[in-house]
Amino acid sequence: MLNLLASRVAEGIVVLIVVSAMTFGLLATAGGDSLTALRNDPLVSAETLNSLERIYGLDQPLHVRYWHWLTNAARGRLGESLYYHAPVSRIILPRLLATLALALVALIIAVCVALALGAAATRRRGGWSDRVSSVVVLFGTSTPRIVLALLALALLARTALFAKGEQNFWSGAALLRVLVPALVLSVPLVALFLSQARDGLRAAMNEAFVQVARAKGLPERTVILRHALRSALNPLITIFGTSLGGIMSGSVVVETVLDYAGLGQLSVVAIRNRDVPLLMSVVVLSATAVLVGNLVGDVLLRLNDPRLRQSAARSSFLKTITPPSS
């Protein structure tokens, strides 16, 4: 397990460096920066523009600017937002907590609904629960998140759930405010998880250990929940780890439409105002969240499946006893 964590952390650092370098280069080659509007303002003198360029380092070569950003970011110094005129860390921290709360609630909803419908569809194959699960999968995979967000906005825009100014995410009103966009984000996840859970449970029901449990006279519900479910969890855990990337990308649309103060909405503000320090921090934090989600998925997969743990332990043991080749 320690070898897994060490290798994933090393790979994650390389990925973050590559992602940050590509993002920094694309932003630089896209043209324009936070001072573009001032350059087009005839009331702003050239001396003022030159002074601002020196302050923000815009007069330096691209590789020098990236190196300065990278070394400062490694020390936890994310710079100052050119739009908000405040430290990026102060701006981004509450938005990060808001998006993480949104992702956590959406994942919990998706997993609970998918497992419940998947178990019911497996228990009554061809019945009403099986047909309902098929409709849910079709609806979730074919409906864009922006349509779901607009429907939620049309239904709930006049309620107190959309009151602005709530920043305490442990209060009741804030938790209700998280619930609406989380439900919108969870619909495609429910479809994805439900499809895998239903297929995995049906495949597990044909395994020998499940047939033995049935032969013992155990109730069908006990057979599904205690025996078949653990075998069917592996693909769900894998998707659970990788689905965080879909949540982070989908949150841009959902947070913007539903006016939810998270990283997705903040990224739109940073792009619109060409705020490079803020946008770089949003991209790197989003990539970090995806990498952490994949790592959590790998760890949970090995905890759930003893075969993977035994395989990893056997591989480590063979490495210790195998003499080096001369």
Protein backbone atom coordinates (compact mmCIF):
# COMPACT_ATOMS: atom_id res chain seq x y z
CA MET A 1 0.00 0.00 0.00
CA LEU A 2 2.85 2.39 0.80
CA ASN A 3 4.42 1.67 -2.58
CA LEU A 4 1.10 2.48 -4.24
CA LEU A 5 0.81 5.78 -2.38
CA ALA A 6 4.40 6.75 -3.15
CA SER A 7 4.09 5.96 -6.86
CA ARG A 8 0.75 7.78 -7.17
CA VAL A 9 2.11 10.86 -5.40
CA ALA A 10 5.16 10.94 -7.68
CA GLU A 11 2.99 10.51 -10.77
CA GLY A 12 0.62 13.20 -9.50
CA ILE A 13 3.44 15.73 -9.10
CA VAL A 14 4.55 15.13 -12.69
CA VAL A 15 0.97 15.44 -13.95
CA LEU A 16 0.43 18.70 -12.07
CA ILE A 17 3.63 20.19 -13.50
CA VAL A 18 2.63 19.20 -17.04
CA VAL A 19 -0.94 20.50 -16.60
CA SER A 20 0.24 23.79 -15.11
CA ALA A 21 2.86 24.30 -17.84
CA MET A 22 0.35 23.61 -20.62
CA THR A 23 -2.24 25.88 -19.05
CA PHE A 24 0.27 28.68 -18.53
CA GLY A 25 1.47 28.39 -22.13
CA LEU A 26 -2.04 28.32 -23.57
CA LEU A 27 -3.06 31.38 -21.58
CA ALA A 28 0.02 33.24 -22.78
CA THR A 29 -0.45 32.32 -26.45
CA ALA A 30 -4.20 33.04 -26.40
CA GLY A 31 -3.46 36.76 -26.46
CA GLY A 32 -4.41 39.44 -24.01
CA ASP A 33 -4.02 39.64 -20.26
CA SER A 34 -5.52 41.45 -17.30
CA LEU A 35 -4.12 44.77 -18.56
CA THR A 36 -5.69 44.53 -22.03
CA ALA A 37 -8.63 46.72 -21.06
CA LEU A 38 -6.27 49.34 -19.64
CA ARG A 39 -4.17 49.31 -22.81
CA ASN A 40 -7.26 50.18 -24.82
CA ASP A 41 -8.13 53.02 -22.46
CA PRO A 42 -6.81 56.34 -23.81
CA LEU A 43 -6.83 57.82 -20.30
CA VAL A 44 -4.16 55.37 -19.08
CA SER A 45 -0.64 56.54 -19.81
CA ALA A 46 2.17 54.37 -21.12
CA GLU A 47 4.16 54.96 -17.92
CA THR A 48 1.31 53.56 -15.85
CA LEU A 49 1.07 50.48 -18.08
CA ASN A 50 4.81 49.88 -17.90
CA SER A 51 4.72 50.19 -14.13
CA LEU A 52 1.86 47.68 -13.85
CA GLU A 53 3.65 45.26 -16.17
CA ARG A 54 6.74 45.38 -13.94
CA ILE A 55 4.63 44.90 -10.80
CA TYR A 56 2.87 41.81 -12.17
CA GLY A 57 5.93 40.49 -14.04
CA LEU A 58 4.28 40.74 -17.46
CA ASP A 59 7.42 42.29 -18.96
CA GLN A 60 9.42 39.08 -18.39
CA PRO A 61 9.77 36.12 -20.81
CA LEU A 62 7.21 33.32 -20.65
CA HIS A 63 9.52 30.69 -19.14
CA VAL A 64 10.68 33.10 -16.44
CA ARG A 65 7.11 33.96 -15.50
CA TYR A 66 6.16 30.28 -15.32
CA TRP A 67 9.19 29.41 -13.21
CA HIS A 68 8.36 32.18 -10.77
CA TRP A 69 4.76 30.98 -10.55
CA LEU A 70 5.80 27.33 -10.09
CA THR A 71 8.34 28.02 -7.34
CA ASN A 72 5.93 30.29 -5.50
CA ALA A 73 3.08 27.77 -5.83
CA ALA A 74 5.32 25.05 -4.40
CA ARG A 75 5.71 27.27 -1.32
CA GLY A 76 1.97 27.86 -1.09
CA ARG A 77 2.15 31.36 -2.53
CA LEU A 78 -0.51 31.50 -5.23
CA GLY A 79 -0.05 35.18 -5.97
CA GLU A 80 -2.55 38.01 -6.10
CA SER A 81 -5.70 38.09 -8.18
CA LEU A 82 -5.50 40.80 -10.83
CA TYR A 83 -9.29 41.14 -10.83
CA TYR A 84 -10.15 40.98 -7.13
CA HIS A 85 -6.89 42.67 -6.00
CA ALA A 86 -6.61 40.20 -3.14
CA PRO A 87 -4.51 37.09 -2.39
CA VAL A 88 -5.63 34.14 -4.49
CA SER A 89 -5.58 31.81 -1.48
CA ARG A 90 -8.07 34.00 0.36
CA ILE A 91 -10.42 34.03 -2.64
CA ILE A 92 -10.14 30.40 -3.64
CA LEU A 93 -10.37 28.63 -0.26
CA PRO A 94 -14.11 29.20 0.41
CA ARG A 95 -14.87 28.38 -3.24
CA LEU A 96 -12.88 25.15 -2.98
CA LEU A 97 -14.74 24.10 0.17
CA ALA A 98 -18.05 24.87 -1.55
CA THR A 99 -17.23 22.75 -4.60
CA LEU A 100 -15.89 19.88 -2.47
CA ALA A 101 -19.11 19.92 -0.44
CA LEU A 102 -21.07 19.89 -3.68
CA ALA A 103 -19.06 16.97 -5.07
CA LEU A 104 -19.35 14.98 -1.84
CA VAL A 105 -23.12 15.37 -1.63
CA ALA A 106 -23.52 14.52 -5.34
CA LEU A 107 -21.41 11.37 -4.97
CA ILE A 108 -23.30 10.23 -1.86
CA ILE A 109 -26.65 10.73 -3.60
CA ALA A 110 -25.47 8.93 -6.73
CA VAL A 111 -24.02 5.92 -4.89
CA CYS A 112 -27.03 5.47 -2.59
CA VAL A 113 -29.61 5.75 -5.38
CA ALA A 114 -27.61 3.55 -7.76
CA LEU A 115 -27.09 0.76 -5.22
CA ALA A 116 -30.72 0.83 -4.10
CA LEU A 117 -32.13 0.72 -7.64
CA GLY A 118 -29.48 -1.76 -8.79
CA ALA A 119 -30.26 -4.17 -5.95
CA ALA A 120 -34.00 -3.84 -6.55
CA ALA A 121 -33.59 -4.40 -10.30
CA THR A 122 -31.45 -7.48 -9.67
CA ARG A 123 -33.89 -8.91 -7.16
CA ARG A 124 -36.91 -8.39 -9.43
CA ARG A 125 -35.47 -8.77 -12.90
CA GLY A 126 -38.03 -7.78 -15.51
CA GLY A 127 -40.26 -6.14 -12.89
CA TRP A 128 -41.16 -2.53 -12.28
CA SER A 129 -37.89 -1.74 -10.52
CA ASP A 130 -35.93 -3.06 -13.50
CA ARG A 131 -37.93 -0.88 -15.87
CA VAL A 132 -37.53 2.16 -13.62
CA SER A 133 -33.77 1.66 -13.52
CA SER A 134 -33.66 1.46 -17.32
CA VAL A 135 -35.57 4.75 -17.58
CA VAL A 136 -33.24 6.39 -15.05
CA VAL A 137 -30.16 5.25 -16.98
CA LEU A 138 -31.60 6.50 -20.27
CA PHE A 139 -32.65 9.85 -18.79
CA GLY A 140 -29.36 10.42 -16.98
CA THR A 141 -27.14 9.61 -19.95
CA SER A 142 -29.14 11.58 -22.52
CA THR A 143 -29.97 14.79 -20.63
CA PRO A 144 -27.26 17.50 -20.54
CA ARG A 145 -26.45 19.05 -17.20
CA ILE A 146 -27.32 22.51 -18.47
CA VAL A 147 -30.87 21.36 -19.22
CA LEU A 148 -31.17 19.87 -15.74
CA ALA A 149 -29.80 23.06 -14.21
CA LEU A 150 -32.27 25.23 -16.14
CA LEU A 151 -35.14 22.96 -15.07
CA ALA A 152 -34.04 23.23 -11.44
CA LEU A 153 -33.75 26.99 -11.80
CA ALA A 154 -37.23 27.26 -13.29
CA LEU A 155 -38.73 25.17 -10.48
CA LEU A 156 -36.88 26.63 -7.51
CA ALA A 157 -35.77 30.15 -8.44
CA ARG A 158 -38.46 31.74 -6.27
CA THR A 159 -37.66 29.74 -3.16
CA ALA A 160 -35.32 30.61 -0.30
CA LEU A 161 -32.85 27.99 -1.50
CA PHE A 162 -31.34 30.55 -3.83
CA ALA A 163 -30.85 33.30 -1.25
CA LYS A 164 -27.48 34.96 -1.71
CA GLY A 165 -24.82 35.71 0.85
CA GLU A 166 -24.78 32.38 2.72
CA GLN A 167 -21.16 31.45 3.42
CA ASN A 168 -21.46 29.14 6.45
CA PHE A 169 -21.69 25.70 4.85
CA TRP A 170 -22.73 24.02 8.10
CA SER A 171 -25.95 26.01 8.46
CA GLY A 172 -29.29 24.56 7.41
CA ALA A 173 -29.92 27.09 4.65
CA ALA A 174 -26.48 26.51 3.15
CA LEU A 175 -26.92 22.73 3.20
CA LEU A 176 -30.22 23.12 1.36
CA ARG A 177 -28.50 25.40 -1.11
CA VAL A 178 -25.89 22.70 -1.78
CA LEU A 179 -28.60 20.06 -2.27
CA VAL A 180 -30.14 21.53 -5.45
CA PRO A 181 -26.96 21.73 -7.58
CA ALA A 182 -25.81 18.42 -6.06
CA LEU A 183 -29.00 16.76 -7.30
CA VAL A 184 -28.37 18.20 -10.78
CA LEU A 185 -24.78 16.95 -10.78
CA SER A 186 -25.78 13.54 -9.45
CA VAL A 187 -28.23 12.66 -12.26
CA PRO A 188 -25.56 11.60 -14.82
CA LEU A 189 -23.62 9.90 -12.03
CA VAL A 190 -26.70 7.94 -10.96
CA ALA A 191 -27.09 6.70 -14.53
CA LEU A 192 -23.43 5.68 -14.74
CA PHE A 193 -23.29 4.02 -11.32
CA LEU A 194 -26.66 2.33 -11.77
CA SER A 195 -25.67 0.79 -15.09
CA GLN A 196 -22.49 -0.64 -13.58
CA ALA A 197 -24.17 -1.75 -10.34
CA ARG A 198 -26.99 -3.54 -12.13
CA ASP A 199 -24.68 -5.34 -14.55
CA GLY A 200 -22.20 -6.17 -11.80
CA LEU A 201 -24.86 -7.57 -9.48
CA ARG A 202 -26.36 -9.69 -12.23
CA ALA A 203 -22.94 -11.10 -13.08
CA ALA A 204 -22.20 -11.75 -9.40
CA MET A 205 -25.46 -13.65 -8.97
CA ASN A 206 -24.07 -16.35 -11.28
CA GLU A 207 -20.87 -16.81 -9.26
CA ALA A 208 -20.30 -20.03 -7.33
CA PHE A 209 -20.14 -18.41 -3.89
CA VAL A 210 -23.55 -16.79 -4.49
CA GLN A 211 -25.02 -20.12 -5.55
CA VAL A 212 -23.64 -21.67 -2.35
CA ALA A 213 -25.30 -18.93 -0.29
CA ARG A 214 -28.58 -19.60 -2.07
CA ALA A 215 -28.22 -23.33 -1.45
CA LYS A 216 -27.93 -22.60 2.27
CA GLY A 217 -31.44 -21.18 2.15
CA LEU A 218 -30.51 -17.56 2.75
CA PRO A 219 -33.10 -14.96 1.73
CA GLU A 220 -32.57 -13.35 -1.67
CA ARG A 221 -32.09 -9.94 -0.09
CA THR A 222 -29.34 -11.27 2.16
CA VAL A 223 -27.66 -13.00 -0.78
CA ILE A 224 -27.58 -9.76 -2.76
CA LEU A 225 -26.54 -7.38 0.01
CA ARG A 226 -24.04 -9.56 1.87
CA HIS A 227 -22.51 -11.67 -0.90
CA ALA A 228 -23.13 -10.35 -4.42
CA LEU A 229 -22.80 -6.65 -3.60
CA ARG A 230 -19.15 -6.76 -2.51
CA SER A 231 -18.15 -8.46 -5.74
CA ALA A 232 -20.08 -5.88 -7.76
CA LEU A 233 -18.48 -2.93 -5.95
CA ASN A 234 -15.14 -3.08 -7.80
CA PRO A 235 -16.28 -1.35 -11.02
CA LEU A 236 -18.26 1.15 -8.93
CA ILE A 237 -15.19 2.04 -6.88
CA THR A 238 -13.17 2.52 -10.06
CA ILE A 239 -15.80 4.85 -11.50
CA PHE A 240 -16.13 6.58 -8.13
CA GLY A 241 -12.49 7.61 -8.30
CA THR A 242 -12.58 8.83 -11.89
CA SER A 243 -16.00 10.51 -11.71
CA LEU A 244 -14.60 13.41 -9.70
CA GLY A 245 -13.20 14.84 -12.92
CA GLY A 246 -16.68 14.83 -14.43
CA ILE A 247 -18.04 16.59 -11.37
CA MET A 248 -15.36 19.29 -11.54
CA SER A 249 -16.04 19.94 -15.23
CA GLY A 250 -19.82 19.74 -14.84
CA SER A 251 -19.75 22.12 -11.90
CA VAL A 252 -18.79 24.99 -14.22
CA VAL A 253 -22.18 24.91 -15.94
CA VAL A 254 -24.23 24.01 -12.86
CA GLU A 255 -22.63 26.59 -10.57
CA THR A 256 -22.96 29.32 -13.19
CA VAL A 257 -26.63 28.63 -13.94
CA LEU A 258 -27.65 28.13 -10.30
CA ASP A 259 -25.44 30.95 -8.98
CA TYR A 260 -23.50 28.63 -6.67
CA ALA A 261 -20.27 30.18 -5.39
CA GLY A 262 -17.79 27.42 -6.18
CA LEU A 263 -14.66 26.79 -8.23
CA GLY A 264 -16.64 26.37 -11.44
CA GLN A 265 -18.21 29.80 -11.19
CA LEU A 266 -14.88 31.29 -10.15
CA SER A 267 -13.16 29.83 -13.23
CA VAL A 268 -15.68 31.60 -15.47
CA VAL A 269 -14.90 34.91 -13.73
CA ALA A 270 -11.16 34.30 -14.08
CA ILE A 271 -11.45 33.47 -17.79
CA ARG A 272 -13.69 36.42 -18.54
CA ASN A 273 -11.31 38.84 -16.83
CA ARG A 274 -8.10 37.09 -17.96
CA ASP A 275 -6.97 36.70 -14.38
CA VAL A 276 -4.02 34.34 -14.93
CA PRO A 277 -2.96 33.80 -11.27
CA LEU A 278 -6.53 32.99 -10.26
CA LEU A 279 -7.21 30.74 -13.24
CA MET A 280 -3.93 28.85 -12.78
CA SER A 281 -4.84 28.11 -9.17
CA VAL A 282 -8.33 26.92 -10.15
CA VAL A 283 -6.93 24.58 -12.83
CA VAL A 284 -4.24 23.13 -10.58
CA LEU A 285 -6.64 22.61 -7.68
CA SER A 286 -9.15 20.92 -10.00
CA ALA A 287 -6.43 18.63 -11.36
CA THR A 288 -5.32 17.87 -7.80
CA ALA A 289 -8.88 16.94 -6.84
CA VAL A 290 -9.06 14.53 -9.79
CA LEU A 291 -5.74 12.92 -8.84
CA VAL A 292 -6.81 12.57 -5.20
CA GLY A 293 -10.08 11.00 -6.34
CA ASN A 294 -8.19 8.44 -8.43
CA LEU A 295 -5.90 7.68 -5.50
CA VAL A 296 -8.85 7.20 -3.14
CA GLY A 297 -10.45 4.91 -5.71
CA ASP A 298 -7.30 2.77 -5.97
CA VAL A 299 -7.01 2.49 -2.18
CA LEU A 300 -10.69 1.58 -1.74
CA LEU A 301 -10.41 -0.97 -4.54
CA ARG A 302 -7.59 -2.78 -2.77
CA LEU A 303 -9.37 -2.62 0.56
CA ASN A 304 -12.51 -4.13 -0.96
CA ASP A 305 -10.82 -6.83 -3.06
CA PRO A 306 -8.44 -9.13 -1.11
CA ARG A 307 -7.10 -10.53 -4.39
CA LEU A 308 -5.53 -7.19 -5.27
CA ARG A 309 -3.90 -6.92 -1.85
CA GLN A 310 -2.52 -10.45 -2.12
CA SER A 311 -1.25 -9.77 -5.63
CA ALA A 312 0.52 -6.60 -4.51
CA ALA A 313 2.01 -8.36 -1.48
CA ARG A 314 3.17 -11.30 -3.62
CA SER A 315 4.79 -8.92 -6.09
CA SER A 316 6.65 -7.10 -3.31
CA PHE A 317 7.79 -10.41 -1.80
CA LEU A 318 9.13 -11.66 -5.14
CA LYS A 319 11.09 -8.45 -5.59
CA THR A 320 12.77 -8.96 -2.21
CA ILE A 321 13.80 -12.58 -2.80
CA THR A 322 14.75 -12.33 -6.46
CA PRO A 323 18.52 -11.78 -6.78
CA PRO A 324 19.63 -8.99 -9.10
CA SER A 325 20.74 -10.11 -12.53
CA SER A 326 24.44 -9.95 -13.13
